Amino acid sequence: MKRPEERFEFSAMPQRDRLKLPDNARMAVYLIANIEEWDIGKPIAREYVTSPAGVQTVPNVPNWAWHEYGMRVGIWRMMDSLAKRGLKAGVAINARVCEGAGEPVARAMLDAGWGFMGHGYAQAAIHTLDDQQAAIQKSYDVLKSYTGKAPKGWLGPGLHETLDTLDYLAETGFKYVCDWPMDEHPVQMKTSAGPVMAMPYSMELSDLPLMVVQQHESVHWLQRALDQFDRLYEEGAEQPRIMAMSIHPYIMGVPHRIKYFEAAYDHMLKRKNVWFTTPDEIYDWFS
């Protein structure tokens, strides 16, 4: 069990050499779509409609159906928006999606060339698993079999890990993680099975905490994305940066929010010297 100071050294941005992105880009922008399978026979991963009197209900029909909408409708709206702009995303996916009723969603993203990342086998906090190492291995094996290539990245459900998770991920074969949102550059971390890269990531540009947990209006996500991009683009003239966004089809894929998602990309695409990429491509460049 290793603490953070045993995994990586502290590094302040002003102390670093200039990061050199492909084609001398000022910044990189990538997107992660979170694709999950919720079991109606278990407590729901998160609620939009609070259970009556604070009681945890099973089955939790309205919140299960809220997620199901994302798989039936929302993800297709998001994929159309990105395809029209010539963009791809990374997919943090419960491996079980590839084996169940949601498989057509996985197939469409695979056919579109999106890169698959581990997101657990089933949607559950890794702390609650009896054998997290076995669950990580099963996720890896299913994704490798389904896509035809070994997955490189991992985004834990809720971003949570134990202090041993990095070792288990590296031993299984994962090369980078998004669970450590501590920098705007990649960070190399030590594990029992060699280095694992911490991918630059931001919880504050994820639609779930912003609009479901904190209950901001949808336009707030757009303004935050634009402000983040504009500042990183400005700073990137001296020291290039990496910007991450994370979305869920049952949140950003609804009709009243998709225009804000599209407006963010339309703003960013007007700027030159921006590398629109995927987390897998960032890892390949960095390694």
C-alpha atoms as a PDB file:
ATOM      1  CA  MET A   1       0.000   0.000   0.000  1.00  0.00           C
ATOM      2  CA  LYS A   2       1.749   3.149  -1.223  1.00  0.00           C
ATOM      3  CA  ARG A   3       0.982   6.761  -0.423  1.00  0.00           C
ATOM      4  CA  PRO A   4       1.072   9.490  -3.130  1.00  0.00           C
ATOM      5  CA  GLU A   5       4.572  10.673  -2.192  1.00  0.00           C
ATOM      6  CA  GLU A   6       5.803   7.159  -2.961  1.00  0.00           C
ATOM      7  CA  ARG A   7       4.095   7.191  -6.378  1.00  0.00           C
ATOM      8  CA  PHE A   8       5.298  10.485  -7.856  1.00  0.00           C
ATOM      9  CA  GLU A   9       7.373  13.574  -7.129  1.00  0.00           C
ATOM     10  CA  PHE A  10       5.983  17.056  -6.689  1.00  0.00           C
ATOM     11  CA  SER A  11       6.446  19.278  -9.748  1.00  0.00           C
ATOM     12  CA  ALA A  12       5.398  22.924 -10.054  1.00  0.00           C
ATOM     13  CA  MET A  13       4.383  24.208 -13.492  1.00  0.00           C
ATOM     14  CA  PRO A  14       6.976  27.075 -13.569  1.00  0.00           C
ATOM     15  CA  GLN A  15       9.809  24.612 -12.949  1.00  0.00           C
ATOM     16  CA  ARG A  16       9.158  22.505 -16.053  1.00  0.00           C
ATOM     17  CA  ASP A  17      10.571  22.518 -19.540  1.00  0.00           C
ATOM     18  CA  ARG A  18       8.141  23.526 -22.258  1.00  0.00           C
ATOM     19  CA  LEU A  19       5.793  20.690 -23.200  1.00  0.00           C
ATOM     20  CA  LYS A  20       5.925  19.891 -26.913  1.00  0.00           C
ATOM     21  CA  LEU A  21       2.558  18.775 -28.267  1.00  0.00           C
ATOM     22  CA  PRO A  22       2.155  17.374 -31.804  1.00  0.00           C
ATOM     23  CA  ASP A  23       2.415  20.035 -34.538  1.00  0.00           C
ATOM     24  CA  ASN A  24       3.486  22.548 -31.875  1.00  0.00           C
ATOM     25  CA  ALA A  25      -0.108  22.864 -30.666  1.00  0.00           C
ATOM     26  CA  ARG A  26      -0.795  25.325 -27.875  1.00  0.00           C
ATOM     27  CA  MET A  27      -3.154  22.919 -26.169  1.00  0.00           C
ATOM     28  CA  ALA A  28      -4.873  19.565 -26.464  1.00  0.00           C
ATOM     29  CA  VAL A  29      -8.599  18.978 -25.912  1.00  0.00           C
ATOM     30  CA  TYR A  30     -10.120  15.565 -25.296  1.00  0.00           C
ATOM     31  CA  LEU A  31     -13.525  14.215 -24.313  1.00  0.00           C
ATOM     32  CA  ILE A  32     -14.586  11.151 -22.321  1.00  0.00           C
ATOM     33  CA  ALA A  33     -18.081   9.694 -22.677  1.00  0.00           C
ATOM     34  CA  ASN A  34     -19.131   7.594 -19.694  1.00  0.00           C
ATOM     35  CA  ILE A  35     -21.088   4.520 -20.770  1.00  0.00           C
ATOM     36  CA  GLU A  36     -22.549   2.454 -17.947  1.00  0.00           C
ATOM     37  CA  GLU A  37     -24.980  -0.350 -17.210  1.00  0.00           C
ATOM     38  CA  TRP A  38     -27.174   0.065 -14.147  1.00  0.00           C
ATOM     39  CA  ASP A  39     -28.761  -3.008 -12.566  1.00  0.00           C
ATOM     40  CA  ILE A  40     -32.398  -2.256 -11.659  1.00  0.00           C
ATOM     41  CA  GLY A  41     -32.215  -4.968  -9.015  1.00  0.00           C
ATOM     42  CA  LYS A  42     -29.534  -3.091  -7.041  1.00  0.00           C
ATOM     43  CA  PRO A  43     -29.311   0.388  -5.489  1.00  0.00           C
ATOM     44  CA  ILE A  44     -28.955   2.950  -8.305  1.00  0.00           C
ATOM     45  CA  ALA A  45     -25.555   4.525  -8.861  1.00  0.00           C
ATOM     46  CA  ARG A  46     -26.938   8.064  -8.514  1.00  0.00           C
ATOM     47  CA  GLU A  47     -30.279   9.788  -8.198  1.00  0.00           C
ATOM     48  CA  TYR A  48     -31.814  12.752 -10.014  1.00  0.00           C
ATOM     49  CA  VAL A  49     -35.196  12.208  -8.355  1.00  0.00           C
ATOM     50  CA  THR A  50     -34.625  11.666  -4.635  1.00  0.00           C
ATOM     51  CA  SER A  51     -36.224   8.568  -3.153  1.00  0.00           C
ATOM     52  CA  PRO A  52     -39.274   9.335  -0.965  1.00  0.00           C
ATOM     53  CA  ALA A  53     -38.551  10.099   2.679  1.00  0.00           C
ATOM     54  CA  GLY A  54     -34.864   9.458   2.079  1.00  0.00           C
ATOM     55  CA  VAL A  55     -35.415   5.700   1.794  1.00  0.00           C
ATOM     56  CA  GLN A  56     -33.178   3.759  -0.614  1.00  0.00           C
ATOM     57  CA  THR A  57     -35.643   2.067  -2.960  1.00  0.00           C
ATOM     58  CA  VAL A  58     -35.047  -1.068  -5.025  1.00  0.00           C
ATOM     59  CA  PRO A  59     -36.140  -1.072  -7.743  1.00  0.00           C
ATOM     60  CA  ASN A  60     -35.580   2.640  -8.301  1.00  0.00           C
ATOM     61  CA  VAL A  61     -37.619   2.940 -11.476  1.00  0.00           C
ATOM     62  CA  PRO A  62     -37.424   6.681 -12.343  1.00  0.00           C
ATOM     63  CA  ASN A  63     -33.667   6.949 -11.864  1.00  0.00           C
ATOM     64  CA  TRP A  64     -32.956   3.675 -13.655  1.00  0.00           C
ATOM     65  CA  ALA A  65     -35.075   4.913 -16.578  1.00  0.00           C
ATOM     66  CA  TRP A  66     -33.219   8.256 -16.506  1.00  0.00           C
ATOM     67  CA  HIS A  67     -30.002   6.388 -17.267  1.00  0.00           C
ATOM     68  CA  GLU A  68     -31.718   4.115 -19.799  1.00  0.00           C
ATOM     69  CA  TYR A  69     -32.756   7.208 -21.771  1.00  0.00           C
ATOM     70  CA  GLY A  70     -29.087   8.004 -22.282  1.00  0.00           C
ATOM     71  CA  MET A  71     -28.473   4.635 -23.899  1.00  0.00           C
ATOM     72  CA  ARG A  72     -31.614   4.683 -26.037  1.00  0.00           C
ATOM     73  CA  VAL A  73     -31.526   8.333 -27.126  1.00  0.00           C
ATOM     74  CA  GLY A  74     -28.883  10.593 -25.601  1.00  0.00           C
ATOM     75  CA  ILE A  75     -25.728   8.835 -26.773  1.00  0.00           C
ATOM     76  CA  TRP A  76     -26.893   8.860 -30.386  1.00  0.00           C
ATOM     77  CA  ARG A  77     -27.495  12.606 -30.245  1.00  0.00           C
ATOM     78  CA  MET A  78     -23.992  13.140 -28.865  1.00  0.00           C
ATOM     79  CA  MET A  79     -22.408  10.862 -31.453  1.00  0.00           C
ATOM     80  CA  ASP A  80     -24.153  12.734 -34.267  1.00  0.00           C
ATOM     81  CA  SER A  81     -22.881  16.061 -32.917  1.00  0.00           C
ATOM     82  CA  LEU A  82     -19.294  14.837 -32.765  1.00  0.00           C
ATOM     83  CA  ALA A  83     -19.430  13.087 -36.163  1.00  0.00           C
ATOM     84  CA  LYS A  84     -20.637  16.288 -37.839  1.00  0.00           C
ATOM     85  CA  ARG A  85     -17.569  18.038 -36.451  1.00  0.00           C
ATOM     86  CA  GLY A  86     -15.134  15.268 -37.356  1.00  0.00           C
ATOM     87  CA  LEU A  87     -14.365  14.487 -33.722  1.00  0.00           C
ATOM     88  CA  LYS A  88     -13.922  11.325 -31.664  1.00  0.00           C
ATOM     89  CA  ALA A  89     -14.044  10.642 -27.943  1.00  0.00           C
ATOM     90  CA  GLY A  90     -12.659   8.242 -25.419  1.00  0.00           C
ATOM     91  CA  VAL A  91     -15.198   5.824 -23.935  1.00  0.00           C
ATOM     92  CA  ALA A  92     -15.050   4.985 -20.227  1.00  0.00           C
ATOM     93  CA  ILE A  93     -17.270   1.917 -20.368  1.00  0.00           C
ATOM     94  CA  ASN A  94     -18.485  -0.714 -17.942  1.00  0.00           C
ATOM     95  CA  ALA A  95     -17.244  -3.854 -19.668  1.00  0.00           C
ATOM     96  CA  ARG A  96     -20.598  -5.496 -19.003  1.00  0.00           C
ATOM     97  CA  VAL A  97     -22.184  -3.146 -21.554  1.00  0.00           C
ATOM     98  CA  CYS A  98     -20.364  -5.100 -24.274  1.00  0.00           C
ATOM     99  CA  GLU A  99     -22.111  -8.283 -23.162  1.00  0.00           C
ATOM    100  CA  GLY A 100     -25.635  -7.041 -22.454  1.00  0.00           C
ATOM    101  CA  ALA A 101     -28.598  -5.199 -23.910  1.00  0.00           C
ATOM    102  CA  GLY A 102     -26.537  -2.048 -24.421  1.00  0.00           C
ATOM    103  CA  GLU A 103     -24.111  -3.775 -26.791  1.00  0.00           C
ATOM    104  CA  PRO A 104     -25.408  -1.851 -29.864  1.00  0.00           C
ATOM    105  CA  VAL A 105     -24.153   1.326 -28.192  1.00  0.00           C
ATOM    106  CA  ALA A 106     -20.709  -0.187 -27.705  1.00  0.00           C
ATOM    107  CA  ARG A 107     -20.722  -1.441 -31.297  1.00  0.00           C
ATOM    108  CA  ALA A 108     -21.578   1.991 -32.702  1.00  0.00           C
ATOM    109  CA  MET A 109     -18.746   3.636 -30.777  1.00  0.00           C
ATOM    110  CA  LEU A 110     -16.313   0.921 -31.783  1.00  0.00           C
ATOM    111  CA  ASP A 111     -17.309   1.344 -35.440  1.00  0.00           C
ATOM    112  CA  ALA A 112     -16.827   5.115 -35.091  1.00  0.00           C
ATOM    113  CA  GLY A 113     -13.231   4.601 -33.969  1.00  0.00           C
ATOM    114  CA  TRP A 114     -13.666   5.727 -30.391  1.00  0.00           C
ATOM    115  CA  GLY A 115     -11.083   4.386 -27.937  1.00  0.00           C
ATOM    116  CA  PHE A 116     -12.380   2.154 -25.137  1.00  0.00           C
ATOM    117  CA  MET A 117     -11.195   2.653 -21.545  1.00  0.00           C
ATOM    118  CA  GLY A 118     -11.865   0.525 -18.504  1.00  0.00           C
ATOM    119  CA  HIS A 119     -14.607   1.801 -16.177  1.00  0.00           C
ATOM    120  CA  GLY A 120     -15.077  -1.280 -14.060  1.00  0.00           C
ATOM    121  CA  TYR A 121     -16.861  -4.437 -15.115  1.00  0.00           C
ATOM    122  CA  ALA A 122     -20.163  -3.270 -13.618  1.00  0.00           C
ATOM    123  CA  GLN A 123     -21.062   0.146 -12.230  1.00  0.00           C
ATOM    124  CA  ALA A 124     -19.960  -0.033  -8.597  1.00  0.00           C
ATOM    125  CA  ALA A 125     -17.496   1.775  -6.344  1.00  0.00           C
ATOM    126  CA  ILE A 126     -14.263  -0.180  -6.354  1.00  0.00           C
ATOM    127  CA  HIS A 127     -14.109   0.029  -2.545  1.00  0.00           C
ATOM    128  CA  THR A 128     -17.242  -2.113  -2.298  1.00  0.00           C
ATOM    129  CA  LEU A 129     -15.932  -5.042  -4.337  1.00  0.00           C
ATOM    130  CA  ASP A 130     -14.914  -8.261  -2.646  1.00  0.00           C
ATOM    131  CA  ASP A 131     -12.027  -8.684  -5.102  1.00  0.00           C
ATOM    132  CA  GLN A 132     -11.171  -5.510  -6.982  1.00  0.00           C
ATOM    133  CA  GLN A 133      -8.174  -7.149  -8.669  1.00  0.00           C
ATOM    134  CA  ALA A 134     -10.406  -9.800 -10.238  1.00  0.00           C
ATOM    135  CA  ALA A 135     -12.907  -7.142 -11.344  1.00  0.00           C
ATOM    136  CA  ILE A 136     -10.149  -5.089 -12.986  1.00  0.00           C
ATOM    137  CA  GLN A 137      -8.863  -8.198 -14.780  1.00  0.00           C
ATOM    138  CA  LYS A 138     -12.346  -9.117 -15.983  1.00  0.00           C
ATOM    139  CA  SER A 139     -12.922  -5.605 -17.319  1.00  0.00           C
ATOM    140  CA  TYR A 140      -9.604  -5.722 -19.167  1.00  0.00           C
ATOM    141  CA  ASP A 141     -10.248  -9.154 -20.650  1.00  0.00           C
ATOM    142  CA  VAL A 142     -13.767  -8.335 -21.854  1.00  0.00           C
ATOM    143  CA  LEU A 143     -12.694  -5.069 -23.498  1.00  0.00           C
ATOM    144  CA  LYS A 144      -9.693  -6.702 -25.138  1.00  0.00           C
ATOM    145  CA  SER A 145     -11.839  -9.497 -26.547  1.00  0.00           C
ATOM    146  CA  TYR A 146     -14.611  -7.163 -27.700  1.00  0.00           C
ATOM    147  CA  THR A 147     -12.468  -4.487 -29.361  1.00  0.00           C
ATOM    148  CA  GLY A 148      -9.651  -6.716 -30.583  1.00  0.00           C
ATOM    149  CA  LYS A 149      -6.964  -4.749 -28.753  1.00  0.00           C
ATOM    150  CA  ALA A 150      -5.841  -4.271 -25.184  1.00  0.00           C
ATOM    151  CA  PRO A 151      -7.349  -1.234 -23.448  1.00  0.00           C
ATOM    152  CA  LYS A 152      -4.811   1.333 -22.287  1.00  0.00           C
ATOM    153  CA  GLY A 153      -6.806   3.656 -20.070  1.00  0.00           C
ATOM    154  CA  TRP A 154      -8.854   3.433 -16.910  1.00  0.00           C
ATOM    155  CA  LEU A 155     -11.398   5.765 -15.310  1.00  0.00           C
ATOM    156  CA  GLY A 156     -12.715   4.300 -12.097  1.00  0.00           C
ATOM    157  CA  PRO A 157     -16.433   4.589 -11.292  1.00  0.00           C
ATOM    158  CA  GLY A 158     -16.616   7.888  -9.422  1.00  0.00           C
ATOM    159  CA  LEU A 159     -12.827   8.187  -9.991  1.00  0.00           C
ATOM    160  CA  HIS A 160     -12.297   6.308  -6.744  1.00  0.00           C
ATOM    161  CA  GLU A 161      -9.389   3.999  -5.961  1.00  0.00           C
ATOM    162  CA  THR A 162      -7.857   2.328  -2.945  1.00  0.00           C
ATOM    163  CA  LEU A 163      -4.155   2.852  -2.299  1.00  0.00           C
ATOM    164  CA  ASP A 164      -3.499  -0.506  -4.005  1.00  0.00           C
ATOM    165  CA  THR A 165      -5.552   0.058  -7.154  1.00  0.00           C
ATOM    166  CA  LEU A 166      -2.731   1.537  -9.245  1.00  0.00           C
ATOM    167  CA  ASP A 167      -0.653  -1.603  -8.703  1.00  0.00           C
ATOM    168  CA  TYR A 168      -3.548  -3.834  -9.731  1.00  0.00           C
ATOM    169  CA  LEU A 169      -4.206  -1.733 -12.840  1.00  0.00           C
ATOM    170  CA  ALA A 170      -0.562  -1.827 -13.928  1.00  0.00           C
ATOM    171  CA  GLU A 171      -0.240  -5.565 -13.251  1.00  0.00           C
ATOM    172  CA  THR A 172      -3.305  -6.148 -15.433  1.00  0.00           C
ATOM    173  CA  GLY A 173      -1.936  -4.091 -18.316  1.00  0.00           C
ATOM    174  CA  PHE A 174      -3.542  -0.642 -18.052  1.00  0.00           C
ATOM    175  CA  LYS A 175      -1.163   2.166 -19.013  1.00  0.00           C
ATOM    176  CA  TYR A 176      -2.873   5.351 -17.833  1.00  0.00           C
ATOM    177  CA  VAL A 177      -5.576   6.484 -15.420  1.00  0.00           C
ATOM    178  CA  CYS A 178      -7.872   9.516 -15.156  1.00  0.00           C
ATOM    179  CA  ASP A 179      -8.535   9.116 -11.433  1.00  0.00           C
ATOM    180  CA  TRP A 180      -5.865  11.626 -10.355  1.00  0.00           C
ATOM    181  CA  PRO A 181      -7.048  15.068 -11.617  1.00  0.00           C
ATOM    182  CA  MET A 182      -4.049  16.957 -10.261  1.00  0.00           C
ATOM    183  CA  ASP A 183      -2.337  18.525 -13.280  1.00  0.00           C
ATOM    184  CA  GLU A 184      -2.626  19.954 -16.806  1.00  0.00           C
ATOM    185  CA  HIS A 185       0.342  17.839 -17.961  1.00  0.00           C
ATOM    186  CA  PRO A 186       0.746  14.054 -17.809  1.00  0.00           C
ATOM    187  CA  VAL A 187       2.276  12.741 -14.579  1.00  0.00           C
ATOM    188  CA  GLN A 188       4.301   9.533 -14.459  1.00  0.00           C
ATOM    189  CA  MET A 189       3.437   7.416 -11.417  1.00  0.00           C
ATOM    190  CA  LYS A 190       5.293   4.440  -9.965  1.00  0.00           C
ATOM    191  CA  THR A 191       3.640   1.060  -9.467  1.00  0.00           C
ATOM    192  CA  SER A 192       4.738  -2.470  -8.643  1.00  0.00           C
ATOM    193  CA  ALA A 193       4.529  -3.303 -12.363  1.00  0.00           C
ATOM    194  CA  GLY A 194       6.161  -0.227 -13.879  1.00  0.00           C
ATOM    195  CA  PRO A 195       5.030   3.316 -14.632  1.00  0.00           C
ATOM    196  CA  VAL A 196       1.408   4.355 -15.115  1.00  0.00           C
ATOM    197  CA  MET A 197       0.527   7.777 -16.483  1.00  0.00           C
ATOM    198  CA  ALA A 198      -1.928  10.070 -14.714  1.00  0.00           C
ATOM    199  CA  MET A 199      -3.910  11.654 -17.541  1.00  0.00           C
ATOM    200  CA  PRO A 200      -4.750  15.357 -17.093  1.00  0.00           C
ATOM    201  CA  TYR A 201      -8.401  15.488 -16.087  1.00  0.00           C
ATOM    202  CA  SER A 202     -10.865  17.940 -14.545  1.00  0.00           C
ATOM    203  CA  MET A 203     -13.810  17.076 -12.317  1.00  0.00           C
ATOM    204  CA  GLU A 204     -15.104  20.617 -12.831  1.00  0.00           C
ATOM    205  CA  LEU A 205     -15.849  20.050 -16.520  1.00  0.00           C
ATOM    206  CA  SER A 206     -17.806  16.874 -15.873  1.00  0.00           C
ATOM    207  CA  ASP A 207     -21.531  17.293 -16.420  1.00  0.00           C
ATOM    208  CA  LEU A 208     -22.498  15.017 -13.527  1.00  0.00           C
ATOM    209  CA  PRO A 209     -21.103  16.941 -10.534  1.00  0.00           C
ATOM    210  CA  LEU A 210     -21.893  20.286 -12.155  1.00  0.00           C
ATOM    211  CA  MET A 211     -25.509  19.765 -13.163  1.00  0.00           C
ATOM    212  CA  VAL A 212     -26.722  16.832 -11.057  1.00  0.00           C
ATOM    213  CA  VAL A 213     -24.809  17.105  -7.788  1.00  0.00           C
ATOM    214  CA  GLN A 214     -24.378  20.894  -7.647  1.00  0.00           C
ATOM    215  CA  GLN A 215     -27.546  21.553  -9.685  1.00  0.00           C
ATOM    216  CA  HIS A 216     -26.203  24.358 -11.871  1.00  0.00           C
ATOM    217  CA  GLU A 217     -28.156  25.377 -14.947  1.00  0.00           C
ATOM    218  CA  SER A 218     -26.967  23.860 -18.224  1.00  0.00           C
ATOM    219  CA  VAL A 219     -25.573  27.141 -19.562  1.00  0.00           C
ATOM    220  CA  HIS A 220     -23.180  27.158 -16.605  1.00  0.00           C
ATOM    221  CA  TRP A 221     -21.364  24.153 -18.083  1.00  0.00           C
ATOM    222  CA  LEU A 222     -20.917  25.993 -21.376  1.00  0.00           C
ATOM    223  CA  GLN A 223     -19.564  29.119 -19.715  1.00  0.00           C
ATOM    224  CA  ARG A 224     -17.163  27.101 -17.613  1.00  0.00           C
ATOM    225  CA  ALA A 225     -15.936  25.134 -20.658  1.00  0.00           C
ATOM    226  CA  LEU A 226     -15.362  28.346 -22.628  1.00  0.00           C
ATOM    227  CA  ASP A 227     -13.581  30.044 -19.740  1.00  0.00           C
ATOM    228  CA  GLN A 228     -11.368  26.996 -19.209  1.00  0.00           C
ATOM    229  CA  PHE A 229     -10.519  26.727 -22.894  1.00  0.00           C
ATOM    230  CA  ASP A 230      -9.803  30.426 -23.391  1.00  0.00           C
ATOM    231  CA  ARG A 231      -7.471  30.623 -20.409  1.00  0.00           C
ATOM    232  CA  LEU A 232      -5.579  27.456 -21.306  1.00  0.00           C
ATOM    233  CA  TYR A 233      -5.287  28.623 -24.909  1.00  0.00           C
ATOM    234  CA  GLU A 234      -3.770  31.899 -23.703  1.00  0.00           C
ATOM    235  CA  GLU A 235      -1.344  30.184 -21.327  1.00  0.00           C
ATOM    236  CA  GLY A 236      -0.530  27.577 -23.959  1.00  0.00           C
ATOM    237  CA  ALA A 237       1.437  30.141 -25.953  1.00  0.00           C
ATOM    238  CA  GLU A 238       4.153  29.830 -23.296  1.00  0.00           C
ATOM    239  CA  GLN A 239       3.482  26.383 -21.822  1.00  0.00           C
ATOM    240  CA  PRO A 240       1.063  24.063 -23.672  1.00  0.00           C
ATOM    241  CA  ARG A 241      -1.764  22.537 -21.641  1.00  0.00           C
ATOM    242  CA  ILE A 242      -4.215  19.636 -21.840  1.00  0.00           C
ATOM    243  CA  MET A 243      -7.955  20.148 -21.298  1.00  0.00           C
ATOM    244  CA  ALA A 244     -10.359  17.334 -20.478  1.00  0.00           C
ATOM    245  CA  MET A 245     -14.147  17.161 -20.524  1.00  0.00           C
ATOM    246  CA  SER A 246     -16.321  14.312 -19.262  1.00  0.00           C
ATOM    247  CA  ILE A 247     -19.976  13.760 -20.132  1.00  0.00           C
ATOM    248  CA  HIS A 248     -22.793  11.264 -19.619  1.00  0.00           C
ATOM    249  CA  PRO A 249     -25.406  10.582 -22.324  1.00  0.00           C
ATOM    250  CA  TYR A 250     -28.303  10.754 -19.878  1.00  0.00           C
ATOM    251  CA  ILE A 251     -27.179  14.271 -18.863  1.00  0.00           C
ATOM    252  CA  MET A 252     -25.562  16.062 -21.805  1.00  0.00           C
ATOM    253  CA  GLY A 253     -27.451  14.060 -24.429  1.00  0.00           C
ATOM    254  CA  VAL A 254     -30.879  15.511 -23.598  1.00  0.00           C
ATOM    255  CA  PRO A 255     -32.504  17.988 -26.027  1.00  0.00           C
ATOM    256  CA  HIS A 256     -32.256  21.040 -23.764  1.00  0.00           C
ATOM    257  CA  ARG A 257     -28.503  20.592 -23.107  1.00  0.00           C
ATOM    258  CA  ILE A 258     -27.013  19.386 -26.382  1.00  0.00           C
ATOM    259  CA  LYS A 259     -26.852  22.900 -27.837  1.00  0.00           C
ATOM    260  CA  TYR A 260     -24.467  23.932 -25.066  1.00  0.00           C
ATOM    261  CA  PHE A 261     -22.231  20.966 -25.792  1.00  0.00           C
ATOM    262  CA  GLU A 262     -22.196  21.869 -29.473  1.00  0.00           C
ATOM    263  CA  ALA A 263     -21.610  25.559 -28.759  1.00  0.00           C
ATOM    264  CA  ALA A 264     -18.522  24.720 -26.705  1.00  0.00           C
ATOM    265  CA  TYR A 265     -16.992  22.754 -29.564  1.00  0.00           C
ATOM    266  CA  ASP A 266     -17.978  25.324 -32.182  1.00  0.00           C
ATOM    267  CA  HIS A 267     -16.136  27.967 -30.151  1.00  0.00           C
ATOM    268  CA  MET A 268     -13.026  25.827 -29.697  1.00  0.00           C
ATOM    269  CA  LEU A 269     -12.877  24.703 -33.315  1.00  0.00           C
ATOM    270  CA  LYS A 270     -12.462  28.305 -34.466  1.00  0.00           C
ATOM    271  CA  ARG A 271      -9.035  28.520 -32.833  1.00  0.00           C
ATOM    272  CA  LYS A 272      -5.812  27.454 -34.553  1.00  0.00           C
ATOM    273  CA  ASN A 273      -3.072  25.311 -33.059  1.00  0.00           C
ATOM    274  CA  VAL A 274      -5.422  23.152 -30.986  1.00  0.00           C
ATOM    275  CA  TRP A 275      -5.007  19.388 -30.978  1.00  0.00           C
ATOM    276  CA  PHE A 276      -8.453  17.767 -30.740  1.00  0.00           C
ATOM    277  CA  THR A 277      -7.605  14.269 -29.668  1.00  0.00           C
ATOM    278  CA  THR A 278      -8.469  11.277 -27.477  1.00  0.00           C
ATOM    279  CA  PRO A 279      -6.904  10.074 -24.225  1.00  0.00           C
ATOM    280  CA  ASP A 280      -5.381   7.050 -25.992  1.00  0.00           C
ATOM    281  CA  GLU A 281      -3.675   9.360 -28.496  1.00  0.00           C
ATOM    282  CA  ILE A 282      -2.339  11.528 -25.689  1.00  0.00           C
ATOM    283  CA  TYR A 283      -0.863   8.474 -24.005  1.00  0.00           C
ATOM    284  CA  ASP A 284       0.722   7.298 -27.280  1.00  0.00           C
ATOM    285  CA  TRP A 285       2.284  10.721 -27.801  1.00  0.00           C
ATOM    286  CA  PHE A 286       3.557  10.944 -24.228  1.00  0.00           C
ATOM    287  CA  SER A 287       4.996   7.442 -24.117  1.00  0.00           C
END
